Amino acid sequence: MPDKSLKGHGLGGKSLADGAGVELAARQEIAFVCPKGHEFSLTFAAEAELPTLWECPRCGTEARRADGVQPEVKEGKPPRTHWDMLRERRSIPELEEILAERLDQIRSEGS
């Protein structure tokens, strides 16, 4: 029975395929530096859109590219206030009318 036993490979075992003749895709290496001075590099495909920021693997802070390419500044919408949202729903004359009604109600309750 021992000579008929199956021999398996564990998880994460090495591939039995031969790597000869395999042509890898064109690649490029980009270096990053975090604010704490940690330097690391990553490999990307040649046609990939390259990131300008990457999380530092040592400390987790945001690292910038070492070649000086700066991230694009995105224009964000200004935060909407309660007044902005109210003005989307009501006109100034409507608001003045509601205010007058509310003031009359408060004055009548106080007397």
PDB file of N, CA and C in Angstrom:
ATOM      1  N   MET A   1       0.813  -1.197   0.000  1.00  0.00           N
ATOM      2  CA  MET A   1       0.000   0.000   0.000  1.00  0.00           C
ATOM      3  C   MET A   1       0.859   1.265   0.000  1.00  0.00           C
ATOM      4  N   PRO A   2       2.027   1.298   0.647  1.00  0.00           N
ATOM      5  CA  PRO A   2       2.810   2.522   0.674  1.00  0.00           C
ATOM      6  C   PRO A   2       3.244   2.996  -0.718  1.00  0.00           C
ATOM      7  N   ASP A   3       3.483   2.099  -1.668  1.00  0.00           N
ATOM      8  CA  ASP A   3       3.933   2.564  -2.972  1.00  0.00           C
ATOM      9  C   ASP A   3       2.783   3.082  -3.841  1.00  0.00           C
ATOM     10  N   LYS A   4       1.549   2.983  -3.378  1.00  0.00           N
ATOM     11  CA  LYS A   4       0.415   3.499  -4.130  1.00  0.00           C
ATOM     12  C   LYS A   4      -0.128   4.801  -3.526  1.00  0.00           C
ATOM     13  N   SER A   5       0.547   5.353  -2.569  1.00  0.00           N
ATOM     14  CA  SER A   5       0.049   6.580  -1.935  1.00  0.00           C
ATOM     15  C   SER A   5       0.252   7.782  -2.859  1.00  0.00           C
ATOM     16  N   LEU A   6      -0.663   8.723  -2.754  1.00  0.00           N
ATOM     17  CA  LEU A   6      -0.576   9.939  -3.561  1.00  0.00           C
ATOM     18  C   LEU A   6       0.257  10.977  -2.843  1.00  0.00           C
ATOM     19  N   LYS A   7       1.061  11.649  -3.598  1.00  0.00           N
ATOM     20  CA  LYS A   7       1.867  12.711  -3.012  1.00  0.00           C
ATOM     21  C   LYS A   7       1.305  14.038  -3.515  1.00  0.00           C
ATOM     22  N   GLY A   8       0.896  14.851  -2.596  1.00  0.00           N
ATOM     23  CA  GLY A   8       0.297  16.135  -2.958  1.00  0.00           C
ATOM     24  C   GLY A   8       1.230  17.289  -2.660  1.00  0.00           C
ATOM     25  N   HIS A   9       0.790  18.427  -3.073  1.00  0.00           N
ATOM     26  CA  HIS A   9       1.536  19.654  -2.791  1.00  0.00           C
ATOM     27  C   HIS A   9       0.708  20.482  -1.837  1.00  0.00           C
ATOM     28  N   GLY A  10       1.363  21.107  -0.891  1.00  0.00           N
ATOM     29  CA  GLY A  10       0.665  21.961   0.070  1.00  0.00           C
ATOM     30  C   GLY A  10       0.194  23.245  -0.578  1.00  0.00           C
ATOM     31  N   LEU A  11      -0.640  23.951   0.136  1.00  0.00           N
ATOM     32  CA  LEU A  11      -1.091  25.246  -0.362  1.00  0.00           C
ATOM     33  C   LEU A  11       0.101  26.175  -0.524  1.00  0.00           C
ATOM     34  N   GLY A  12       0.104  26.927  -1.579  1.00  0.00           N
ATOM     35  CA  GLY A  12       1.209  27.848  -1.817  1.00  0.00           C
ATOM     36  C   GLY A  12       2.445  27.144  -2.317  1.00  0.00           C
ATOM     37  N   GLY A  13       2.290  25.929  -2.760  1.00  0.00           N
ATOM     38  CA  GLY A  13       3.440  25.174  -3.261  1.00  0.00           C
ATOM     39  C   GLY A  13       3.948  25.749  -4.559  1.00  0.00           C
ATOM     40  N   LYS A  14       5.110  25.292  -4.982  1.00  0.00           N
ATOM     41  CA  LYS A  14       5.711  25.792  -6.208  1.00  0.00           C
ATOM     42  C   LYS A  14       5.029  25.192  -7.422  1.00  0.00           C
ATOM     43  N   SER A  15       4.965  25.995  -8.469  1.00  0.00           N
ATOM     44  CA  SER A  15       4.356  25.540  -9.707  1.00  0.00           C
ATOM     45  C   SER A  15       5.294  24.571 -10.403  1.00  0.00           C
ATOM     46  N   LEU A  16       4.717  23.590 -11.063  1.00  0.00           N
ATOM     47  CA  LEU A  16       5.515  22.637 -11.811  1.00  0.00           C
ATOM     48  C   LEU A  16       5.727  23.098 -13.251  1.00  0.00           C
ATOM     49  N   ALA A  17       5.122  24.246 -13.628  1.00  0.00           N
ATOM     50  CA  ALA A  17       5.268  24.754 -14.988  1.00  0.00           C
ATOM     51  C   ALA A  17       6.654  25.346 -15.173  1.00  0.00           C
ATOM     52  N   ASP A  18       7.174  25.182 -16.364  1.00  0.00           N
ATOM     53  CA  ASP A  18       8.499  25.697 -16.690  1.00  0.00           C
ATOM     54  C   ASP A  18       8.372  27.159 -17.105  1.00  0.00           C
ATOM     55  N   GLY A  19       9.193  28.037 -16.575  1.00  0.00           N
ATOM     56  CA  GLY A  19       9.140  29.459 -16.877  1.00  0.00           C
ATOM     57  C   GLY A  19       9.916  29.835 -18.122  1.00  0.00           C
ATOM     58  N   ALA A  20      10.523  28.871 -18.799  1.00  0.00           N
ATOM     59  CA  ALA A  20      11.313  29.173 -19.989  1.00  0.00           C
ATOM     60  C   ALA A  20      10.392  29.606 -21.130  1.00  0.00           C
ATOM     61  N   GLY A  21      10.788  30.629 -21.850  1.00  0.00           N
ATOM     62  CA  GLY A  21      10.037  31.093 -22.997  1.00  0.00           C
ATOM     63  C   GLY A  21       8.890  32.023 -22.649  1.00  0.00           C
ATOM     64  N   VAL A  22       8.721  32.349 -21.382  1.00  0.00           N
ATOM     65  CA  VAL A  22       7.649  33.253 -20.973  1.00  0.00           C
ATOM     66  C   VAL A  22       8.156  34.683 -21.106  1.00  0.00           C
ATOM     67  N   GLU A  23       7.423  35.485 -21.851  1.00  0.00           N
ATOM     68  CA  GLU A  23       7.819  36.875 -22.037  1.00  0.00           C
ATOM     69  C   GLU A  23       6.946  37.754 -21.148  1.00  0.00           C
ATOM     70  N   LEU A  24       7.568  38.478 -20.244  1.00  0.00           N
ATOM     71  CA  LEU A  24       6.835  39.348 -19.330  1.00  0.00           C
ATOM     72  C   LEU A  24       6.413  40.629 -20.042  1.00  0.00           C
ATOM     73  N   ALA A  25       5.325  41.210 -19.588  1.00  0.00           N
ATOM     74  CA  ALA A  25       4.849  42.477 -20.140  1.00  0.00           C
ATOM     75  C   ALA A  25       5.842  43.586 -19.808  1.00  0.00           C
ATOM     76  N   ALA A  26       5.854  44.622 -20.631  1.00  0.00           N
ATOM     77  CA  ALA A  26       6.753  45.755 -20.390  1.00  0.00           C
ATOM     78  C   ALA A  26       6.376  46.408 -19.062  1.00  0.00           C
ATOM     79  N   ARG A  27       7.397  46.694 -18.276  1.00  0.00           N
ATOM     80  CA  ARG A  27       7.154  47.254 -16.946  1.00  0.00           C
ATOM     81  C   ARG A  27       8.014  48.488 -16.712  1.00  0.00           C
ATOM     82  N   GLN A  28       7.596  49.238 -15.692  1.00  0.00           N
ATOM     83  CA  GLN A  28       8.379  50.393 -15.254  1.00  0.00           C
ATOM     84  C   GLN A  28       8.331  50.460 -13.738  1.00  0.00           C
ATOM     85  N   GLU A  29       9.407  50.933 -13.165  1.00  0.00           N
ATOM     86  CA  GLU A  29       9.497  51.010 -11.705  1.00  0.00           C
ATOM     87  C   GLU A  29       9.419  52.473 -11.280  1.00  0.00           C
ATOM     88  N   ILE A  30       8.572  52.753 -10.308  1.00  0.00           N
ATOM     89  CA  ILE A  30       8.378  54.118  -9.817  1.00  0.00           C
ATOM     90  C   ILE A  30       8.761  54.151  -8.338  1.00  0.00           C
ATOM     91  N   ALA A  31       9.567  55.129  -7.961  1.00  0.00           N
ATOM     92  CA  ALA A  31      10.001  55.276  -6.574  1.00  0.00           C
ATOM     93  C   ALA A  31       9.090  56.255  -5.846  1.00  0.00           C
ATOM     94  N   PHE A  32       8.863  55.995  -4.559  1.00  0.00           N
ATOM     95  CA  PHE A  32       8.035  56.850  -3.708  1.00  0.00           C
ATOM     96  C   PHE A  32       8.814  57.172  -2.431  1.00  0.00           C
ATOM     97  N   VAL A  33       8.533  58.342  -1.851  1.00  0.00           N
ATOM     98  CA  VAL A  33       9.143  58.760  -0.589  1.00  0.00           C
ATOM     99  C   VAL A  33       8.038  59.308   0.297  1.00  0.00           C
ATOM    100  N   CYS A  34       7.965  58.796   1.538  1.00  0.00           N
ATOM    101  CA  CYS A  34       6.946  59.286   2.463  1.00  0.00           C
ATOM    102  C   CYS A  34       7.513  60.445   3.283  1.00  0.00           C
ATOM    103  N   PRO A  35       6.658  61.213   3.961  1.00  0.00           N
ATOM    104  CA  PRO A  35       7.133  62.364   4.746  1.00  0.00           C
ATOM    105  C   PRO A  35       8.123  61.986   5.849  1.00  0.00           C
ATOM    106  N   LYS A  36       8.104  60.725   6.283  1.00  0.00           N
ATOM    107  CA  LYS A  36       9.033  60.278   7.332  1.00  0.00           C
ATOM    108  C   LYS A  36      10.357  59.790   6.759  1.00  0.00           C
ATOM    109  N   GLY A  37      10.539  59.912   5.431  1.00  0.00           N
ATOM    110  CA  GLY A  37      11.804  59.570   4.796  1.00  0.00           C
ATOM    111  C   GLY A  37      11.922  58.133   4.318  1.00  0.00           C
ATOM    112  N   HIS A  38      10.877  57.334   4.464  1.00  0.00           N
ATOM    113  CA  HIS A  38      10.934  55.957   3.973  1.00  0.00           C
ATOM    114  C   HIS A  38      10.854  55.965   2.450  1.00  0.00           C
ATOM    115  N   GLU A  39      11.758  55.220   1.817  1.00  0.00           N
ATOM    116  CA  GLU A  39      11.767  55.133   0.364  1.00  0.00           C
ATOM    117  C   GLU A  39      11.414  53.713  -0.051  1.00  0.00           C
ATOM    118  N   PHE A  40      10.593  53.604  -1.101  1.00  0.00           N
ATOM    119  CA  PHE A  40      10.246  52.288  -1.645  1.00  0.00           C
ATOM    120  C   PHE A  40       9.894  52.459  -3.099  1.00  0.00           C
ATOM    121  N   SER A  41       9.910  51.378  -3.842  1.00  0.00           N
ATOM    122  CA  SER A  41       9.550  51.460  -5.253  1.00  0.00           C
ATOM    123  C   SER A  41       8.571  50.352  -5.599  1.00  0.00           C
ATOM    124  N   LEU A  42       7.742  50.622  -6.594  1.00  0.00           N
ATOM    125  CA  LEU A  42       6.727  49.683  -7.050  1.00  0.00           C
ATOM    126  C   LEU A  42       6.859  49.510  -8.555  1.00  0.00           C
ATOM    127  N   THR A  43       6.493  48.336  -9.033  1.00  0.00           N
ATOM    128  CA  THR A  43       6.556  48.043 -10.452  1.00  0.00           C
ATOM    129  C   THR A  43       5.149  48.096 -11.041  1.00  0.00           C
ATOM    130  N   PHE A  44       5.018  48.812 -12.157  1.00  0.00           N
ATOM    131  CA  PHE A  44       3.746  48.955 -12.850  1.00  0.00           C
ATOM    132  C   PHE A  44       3.931  48.562 -14.304  1.00  0.00           C
ATOM    133  N   ALA A  45       2.825  48.205 -14.944  1.00  0.00           N
ATOM    134  CA  ALA A  45       2.856  47.937 -16.377  1.00  0.00           C
ATOM    135  C   ALA A  45       3.223  49.228 -17.106  1.00  0.00           C
ATOM    136  N   ALA A  46       3.873  49.097 -18.254  1.00  0.00           N
ATOM    137  CA  ALA A  46       4.333  50.273 -18.994  1.00  0.00           C
ATOM    138  C   ALA A  46       3.168  51.154 -19.426  1.00  0.00           C
ATOM    139  N   GLU A  47       2.012  50.549 -19.744  1.00  0.00           N
ATOM    140  CA  GLU A  47       0.882  51.348 -20.218  1.00  0.00           C
ATOM    141  C   GLU A  47      -0.062  51.761 -19.087  1.00  0.00           C
ATOM    142  N   ALA A  48       0.268  51.432 -17.836  1.00  0.00           N
ATOM    143  CA  ALA A  48      -0.609  51.757 -16.704  1.00  0.00           C
ATOM    144  C   ALA A  48      -0.584  53.248 -16.398  1.00  0.00           C
ATOM    145  N   GLU A  49      -1.714  53.752 -15.893  1.00  0.00           N
ATOM    146  CA  GLU A  49      -1.773  55.133 -15.418  1.00  0.00           C
ATOM    147  C   GLU A  49      -1.093  55.156 -14.049  1.00  0.00           C
ATOM    148  N   LEU A  50      -0.049  55.930 -13.937  1.00  0.00           N
ATOM    149  CA  LEU A  50       0.773  55.898 -12.728  1.00  0.00           C
ATOM    150  C   LEU A  50       0.187  56.780 -11.628  1.00  0.00           C
ATOM    151  N   PRO A  51       0.107  56.251 -10.403  1.00  0.00           N
ATOM    152  CA  PRO A  51      -0.410  57.054  -9.292  1.00  0.00           C
ATOM    153  C   PRO A  51       0.635  58.058  -8.824  1.00  0.00           C
ATOM    154  N   THR A  52       0.175  59.158  -8.273  1.00  0.00           N
ATOM    155  CA  THR A  52       1.102  60.150  -7.721  1.00  0.00           C
ATOM    156  C   THR A  52       1.264  59.967  -6.215  1.00  0.00           C
ATOM    157  N   LEU A  53       0.320  59.264  -5.578  1.00  0.00           N
ATOM    158  CA  LEU A  53       0.380  58.998  -4.141  1.00  0.00           C
ATOM    159  C   LEU A  53       0.223  57.500  -3.905  1.00  0.00           C
ATOM    160  N   TRP A  54       0.902  56.989  -2.844  1.00  0.00           N
ATOM    161  CA  TRP A  54       0.777  55.586  -2.478  1.00  0.00           C
ATOM    162  C   TRP A  54       1.018  55.480  -0.978  1.00  0.00           C
ATOM    163  N   GLU A  55       0.327  54.566  -0.339  1.00  0.00           N
ATOM    164  CA  GLU A  55       0.490  54.387   1.108  1.00  0.00           C
ATOM    165  C   GLU A  55       1.830  53.735   1.404  1.00  0.00           C
ATOM    166  N   CYS A  56       2.576  54.333   2.319  1.00  0.00           N
ATOM    167  CA  CYS A  56       3.886  53.799   2.712  1.00  0.00           C
ATOM    168  C   CYS A  56       3.692  52.446   3.400  1.00  0.00           C
ATOM    169  N   PRO A  57       4.405  51.403   2.953  1.00  0.00           N
ATOM    170  CA  PRO A  57       4.238  50.092   3.577  1.00  0.00           C
ATOM    171  C   PRO A  57       4.812  50.003   4.994  1.00  0.00           C
ATOM    172  N   ARG A  58       5.675  50.938   5.380  1.00  0.00           N
ATOM    173  CA  ARG A  58       6.279  50.884   6.714  1.00  0.00           C
ATOM    174  C   ARG A  58       5.482  51.624   7.774  1.00  0.00           C
ATOM    175  N   CYS A  59       4.967  52.821   7.421  1.00  0.00           N
ATOM    176  CA  CYS A  59       4.302  53.627   8.448  1.00  0.00           C
ATOM    177  C   CYS A  59       2.853  53.973   8.101  1.00  0.00           C
ATOM    178  N   GLY A  60       2.427  53.733   6.864  1.00  0.00           N
ATOM    179  CA  GLY A  60       1.042  53.972   6.496  1.00  0.00           C
ATOM    180  C   GLY A  60       0.714  55.397   6.086  1.00  0.00           C
ATOM    181  N   THR A  61       1.688  56.306   6.101  1.00  0.00           N
ATOM    182  CA  THR A  61       1.405  57.674   5.669  1.00  0.00           C
ATOM    183  C   THR A  61       1.386  57.735   4.140  1.00  0.00           C
ATOM    184  N   GLU A  62       0.915  58.843   3.605  1.00  0.00           N
ATOM    185  CA  GLU A  62       0.787  58.995   2.164  1.00  0.00           C
ATOM    186  C   GLU A  62       2.128  59.419   1.572  1.00  0.00           C
ATOM    187  N   ALA A  63       2.686  58.562   0.712  1.00  0.00           N
ATOM    188  CA  ALA A  63       3.975  58.850   0.082  1.00  0.00           C
ATOM    189  C   ALA A  63       3.749  59.455  -1.300  1.00  0.00           C
ATOM    190  N   ARG A  64       4.671  60.342  -1.706  1.00  0.00           N
ATOM    191  CA  ARG A  64       4.603  60.972  -3.030  1.00  0.00           C
ATOM    192  C   ARG A  64       5.693  60.391  -3.920  1.00  0.00           C
ATOM    193  N   ARG A  65       5.490  60.546  -5.205  1.00  0.00           N
ATOM    194  CA  ARG A  65       6.479  60.035  -6.156  1.00  0.00           C
ATOM    195  C   ARG A  65       7.800  60.768  -5.989  1.00  0.00           C
ATOM    196  N   ALA A  66       8.896  60.018  -6.107  1.00  0.00           N
ATOM    197  CA  ALA A  66      10.221  60.591  -5.929  1.00  0.00           C
ATOM    198  C   ALA A  66      10.652  61.422  -7.134  1.00  0.00           C
ATOM    199  N   ASP A  67      10.016  61.210  -8.297  1.00  0.00           N
ATOM    200  CA  ASP A  67      10.413  61.960  -9.495  1.00  0.00           C
ATOM    201  C   ASP A  67       9.807  63.362  -9.542  1.00  0.00           C
ATOM    202  N   GLY A  68       9.081  63.748  -8.517  1.00  0.00           N
ATOM    203  CA  GLY A  68       8.564  65.112  -8.410  1.00  0.00           C
ATOM    204  C   GLY A  68       7.212  65.355  -9.040  1.00  0.00           C
ATOM    205  N   VAL A  69       6.581  64.338  -9.613  1.00  0.00           N
ATOM    206  CA  VAL A  69       5.253  64.520 -10.202  1.00  0.00           C
ATOM    207  C   VAL A  69       4.260  64.748  -9.071  1.00  0.00           C
ATOM    208  N   GLN A  70       3.545  65.874  -9.132  1.00  0.00           N
ATOM    209  CA  GLN A  70       2.611  66.252  -8.073  1.00  0.00           C
ATOM    210  C   GLN A  70       1.202  65.762  -8.414  1.00  0.00           C
ATOM    211  N   PRO A  71       0.413  65.425  -7.391  1.00  0.00           N
ATOM    212  CA  PRO A  71      -0.975  65.018  -7.655  1.00  0.00           C
ATOM    213  C   PRO A  71      -1.795  66.197  -8.164  1.00  0.00           C
ATOM    214  N   GLU A  72      -2.783  65.886  -9.017  1.00  0.00           N
ATOM    215  CA  GLU A  72      -3.660  66.925  -9.535  1.00  0.00           C
ATOM    216  C   GLU A  72      -4.538  67.454  -8.409  1.00  0.00           C
ATOM    217  N   VAL A  73      -4.704  68.758  -8.399  1.00  0.00           N
ATOM    218  CA  VAL A  73      -5.579  69.366  -7.411  1.00  0.00           C
ATOM    219  C   VAL A  73      -6.990  69.330  -7.973  1.00  0.00           C
ATOM    220  N   LYS A  74      -7.861  68.610  -7.297  1.00  0.00           N
ATOM    221  CA  LYS A  74      -9.235  68.486  -7.759  1.00  0.00           C
ATOM    222  C   LYS A  74     -10.073  69.591  -7.139  1.00  0.00           C
ATOM    223  N   GLU A  75     -10.860  70.227  -8.002  1.00  0.00           N
ATOM    224  CA  GLU A  75     -11.758  71.259  -7.494  1.00  0.00           C
ATOM    225  C   GLU A  75     -12.959  70.581  -6.880  1.00  0.00           C
ATOM    226  N   GLY A  76     -13.162  70.831  -5.627  1.00  0.00           N
ATOM    227  CA  GLY A  76     -14.306  70.255  -4.942  1.00  0.00           C
ATOM    228  C   GLY A  76     -15.417  71.278  -4.806  1.00  0.00           C
ATOM    229  N   LYS A  77     -16.602  70.772  -4.612  1.00  0.00           N
ATOM    230  CA  LYS A  77     -17.722  71.679  -4.390  1.00  0.00           C
ATOM    231  C   LYS A  77     -17.593  72.280  -3.002  1.00  0.00           C
ATOM    232  N   PRO A  78     -17.946  73.558  -2.860  1.00  0.00           N
ATOM    233  CA  PRO A  78     -17.931  74.119  -1.511  1.00  0.00           C
ATOM    234  C   PRO A  78     -19.038  73.449  -0.692  1.00  0.00           C
ATOM    235  N   PRO A  79     -18.831  73.318   0.597  1.00  0.00           N
ATOM    236  CA  PRO A  79     -19.857  72.663   1.412  1.00  0.00           C
ATOM    237  C   PRO A  79     -21.163  73.452   1.407  1.00  0.00           C
ATOM    238  N   ARG A  80     -22.257  72.727   1.316  1.00  0.00           N
ATOM    239  CA  ARG A  80     -23.577  73.372   1.328  1.00  0.00           C
ATOM    240  C   ARG A  80     -24.010  73.605   2.765  1.00  0.00           C
ATOM    241  N   THR A  81     -24.451  74.823   3.034  1.00  0.00           N
ATOM    242  CA  THR A  81     -24.936  75.166   4.367  1.00  0.00           C
ATOM    243  C   THR A  81     -26.445  74.931   4.431  1.00  0.00           C
ATOM    244  N   HIS A  82     -26.985  75.041   5.626  1.00  0.00           N
ATOM    245  CA  HIS A  82     -28.438  74.922   5.794  1.00  0.00           C
ATOM    246  C   HIS A  82     -29.152  76.013   4.995  1.00  0.00           C
ATOM    247  N   TRP A  83     -28.559  77.199   4.988  1.00  0.00           N
ATOM    248  CA  TRP A  83     -29.152  78.313   4.251  1.00  0.00           C
ATOM    249  C   TRP A  83     -29.192  77.997   2.748  1.00  0.00           C
ATOM    250  N   ASP A  84     -28.119  77.425   2.217  1.00  0.00           N
ATOM    251  CA  ASP A  84     -28.086  77.062   0.792  1.00  0.00           C
ATOM    252  C   ASP A  84     -29.194  76.069   0.458  1.00  0.00           C
ATOM    253  N   MET A  85     -29.367  75.070   1.303  1.00  0.00           N
ATOM    254  CA  MET A  85     -30.391  74.063   1.052  1.00  0.00           C
ATOM    255  C   MET A  85     -31.797  74.656   1.167  1.00  0.00           C
ATOM    256  N   LEU A  86     -31.978  75.568   2.127  1.00  0.00           N
ATOM    257  CA  LEU A  86     -33.275  76.227   2.285  1.00  0.00           C
ATOM    258  C   LEU A  86     -33.593  77.087   1.066  1.00  0.00           C
ATOM    259  N   ARG A  87     -32.575  77.791   0.553  1.00  0.00           N
ATOM    260  CA  ARG A  87     -32.763  78.654  -0.621  1.00  0.00           C
ATOM    261  C   ARG A  87     -33.071  77.848  -1.882  1.00  0.00           C
ATOM    262  N   GLU A  88     -32.679  76.573  -1.907  1.00  0.00           N
ATOM    263  CA  GLU A  88     -33.023  75.727  -3.046  1.00  0.00           C
ATOM    264  C   GLU A  88     -34.517  75.405  -3.061  1.00  0.00           C
ATOM    265  N   ARG A  89     -35.130  75.391  -1.885  1.00  0.00           N
ATOM    266  CA  ARG A  89     -36.543  75.020  -1.776  1.00  0.00           C
ATOM    267  C   ARG A  89     -37.484  76.213  -1.703  1.00  0.00           C
ATOM    268  N   ARG A  90     -37.035  77.351  -1.175  1.00  0.00           N
ATOM    269  CA  ARG A  90     -37.916  78.508  -0.937  1.00  0.00           C
ATOM    270  C   ARG A  90     -37.294  79.775  -1.510  1.00  0.00           C
ATOM    271  N   SER A  91     -38.163  80.701  -1.922  1.00  0.00           N
ATOM    272  CA  SER A  91     -37.701  82.019  -2.377  1.00  0.00           C
ATOM    273  C   SER A  91     -37.676  82.958  -1.162  1.00  0.00           C
ATOM    274  N   ILE A  92     -37.027  84.103  -1.326  1.00  0.00           N
ATOM    275  CA  ILE A  92     -36.951  85.088  -0.229  1.00  0.00           C
ATOM    276  C   ILE A  92     -38.346  85.564   0.177  1.00  0.00           C
ATOM    277  N   PRO A  93     -39.260  85.896  -0.762  1.00  0.00           N
ATOM    278  CA  PRO A  93     -40.609  86.304  -0.340  1.00  0.00           C
ATOM    279  C   PRO A  93     -41.339  85.207   0.455  1.00  0.00           C
ATOM    280  N   GLU A  94     -41.165  83.940   0.045  1.00  0.00           N
ATOM    281  CA  GLU A  94     -41.790  82.841   0.800  1.00  0.00           C
ATOM    282  C   GLU A  94     -41.216  82.762   2.210  1.00  0.00           C
ATOM    283  N   LEU A  95     -39.922  82.919   2.327  1.00  0.00           N
ATOM    284  CA  LEU A  95     -39.275  82.863   3.641  1.00  0.00           C
ATOM    285  C   LEU A  95     -39.723  84.026   4.521  1.00  0.00           C
ATOM    286  N   GLU A  96     -39.875  85.219   3.938  1.00  0.00           N
ATOM    287  CA  GLU A  96     -40.341  86.374   4.709  1.00  0.00           C
ATOM    288  C   GLU A  96     -41.763  86.148   5.200  1.00  0.00           C
ATOM    289  N   GLU A  97     -42.600  85.532   4.370  1.00  0.00           N
ATOM    290  CA  GLU A  97     -43.978  85.239   4.762  1.00  0.00           C
ATOM    291  C   GLU A  97     -44.016  84.217   5.911  1.00  0.00           C
ATOM    292  N   ILE A  98     -43.204  83.167   5.812  1.00  0.00           N
ATOM    293  CA  ILE A  98     -43.145  82.143   6.866  1.00  0.00           C
ATOM    294  C   ILE A  98     -42.635  82.751   8.164  1.00  0.00           C
ATOM    295  N   LEU A  99     -41.634  83.624   8.060  1.00  0.00           N
ATOM    296  CA  LEU A  99     -41.087  84.293   9.237  1.00  0.00           C
ATOM    297  C   LEU A  99     -42.145  85.165   9.906  1.00  0.00           C
ATOM    298  N   ALA A 100     -42.879  85.911   9.113  1.00  0.00           N
ATOM    299  CA  ALA A 100     -43.929  86.785   9.670  1.00  0.00           C
ATOM    300  C   ALA A 100     -44.998  85.949  10.379  1.00  0.00           C
ATOM    301  N   GLU A 101     -45.416  84.844   9.758  1.00  0.00           N
ATOM    302  CA  GLU A 101     -46.414  83.966  10.394  1.00  0.00           C
ATOM    303  C   GLU A 101     -45.888  83.412  11.714  1.00  0.00           C
ATOM    304  N   ARG A 102     -44.655  82.984  11.711  1.00  0.00           N
ATOM    305  CA  ARG A 102     -44.067  82.398  12.926  1.00  0.00           C
ATOM    306  C   ARG A 102     -43.932  83.448  14.022  1.00  0.00           C
ATOM    307  N   LEU A 103     -43.510  84.662  13.675  1.00  0.00           N
ATOM    308  CA  LEU A 103     -43.391  85.740  14.665  1.00  0.00           C
ATOM    309  C   LEU A 103     -44.753  86.082  15.244  1.00  0.00           C
ATOM    310  N   ASP A 104     -45.779  86.139  14.421  1.00  0.00           N
ATOM    311  CA  ASP A 104     -47.143  86.405  14.915  1.00  0.00           C
ATOM    312  C   ASP A 104     -47.578  85.311  15.886  1.00  0.00           C
ATOM    313  N   GLN A 105     -47.262  84.068  15.543  1.00  0.00           N
ATOM    314  CA  GLN A 105     -47.636  82.932  16.407  1.00  0.00           C
ATOM    315  C   GLN A 105     -46.922  83.024  17.759  1.00  0.00           C
ATOM    316  N   ILE A 106     -45.637  83.366  17.731  1.00  0.00           N
ATOM    317  CA  ILE A 106     -44.867  83.472  18.982  1.00  0.00           C
ATOM    318  C   ILE A 106     -45.394  84.635  19.823  1.00  0.00           C
ATOM    319  N   ARG A 107     -45.692  85.757  19.204  1.00  0.00           N
ATOM    320  CA  ARG A 107     -46.207  86.925  19.923  1.00  0.00           C
ATOM    321  C   ARG A 107     -47.573  86.625  20.550  1.00  0.00           C
ATOM    322  N   SER A 108     -48.425  85.892  19.844  1.00  0.00           N
ATOM    323  CA  SER A 108     -49.763  85.583  20.381  1.00  0.00           C
ATOM    324  C   SER A 108     -49.686  84.577  21.553  1.00  0.00           C
ATOM    325  N   GLU A 109     -48.699  83.687  21.515  1.00  0.00           N
ATOM    326  CA  GLU A 109     -48.533  82.726  22.620  1.00  0.00           C
ATOM    327  C   GLU A 109     -47.983  83.411  23.875  1.00  0.00           C
ATOM    328  N   GLY A 110     -47.175  84.469  23.666  1.00  0.00           N
ATOM    329  CA  GLY A 110     -46.545  85.170  24.778  1.00  0.00           C
ATOM    330  C   GLY A 110     -47.490  86.121  25.496  1.00  0.00           C
ATOM    331  N   SER A 111     -48.615  86.530  24.906  1.00  0.00           N
ATOM    332  CA  SER A 111     -49.495  87.501  25.544  1.00  0.00           C
ATOM    333  C   SER A 111     -50.477  86.872  26.474  1.00  0.00           C
TER     334      SER A 111
END
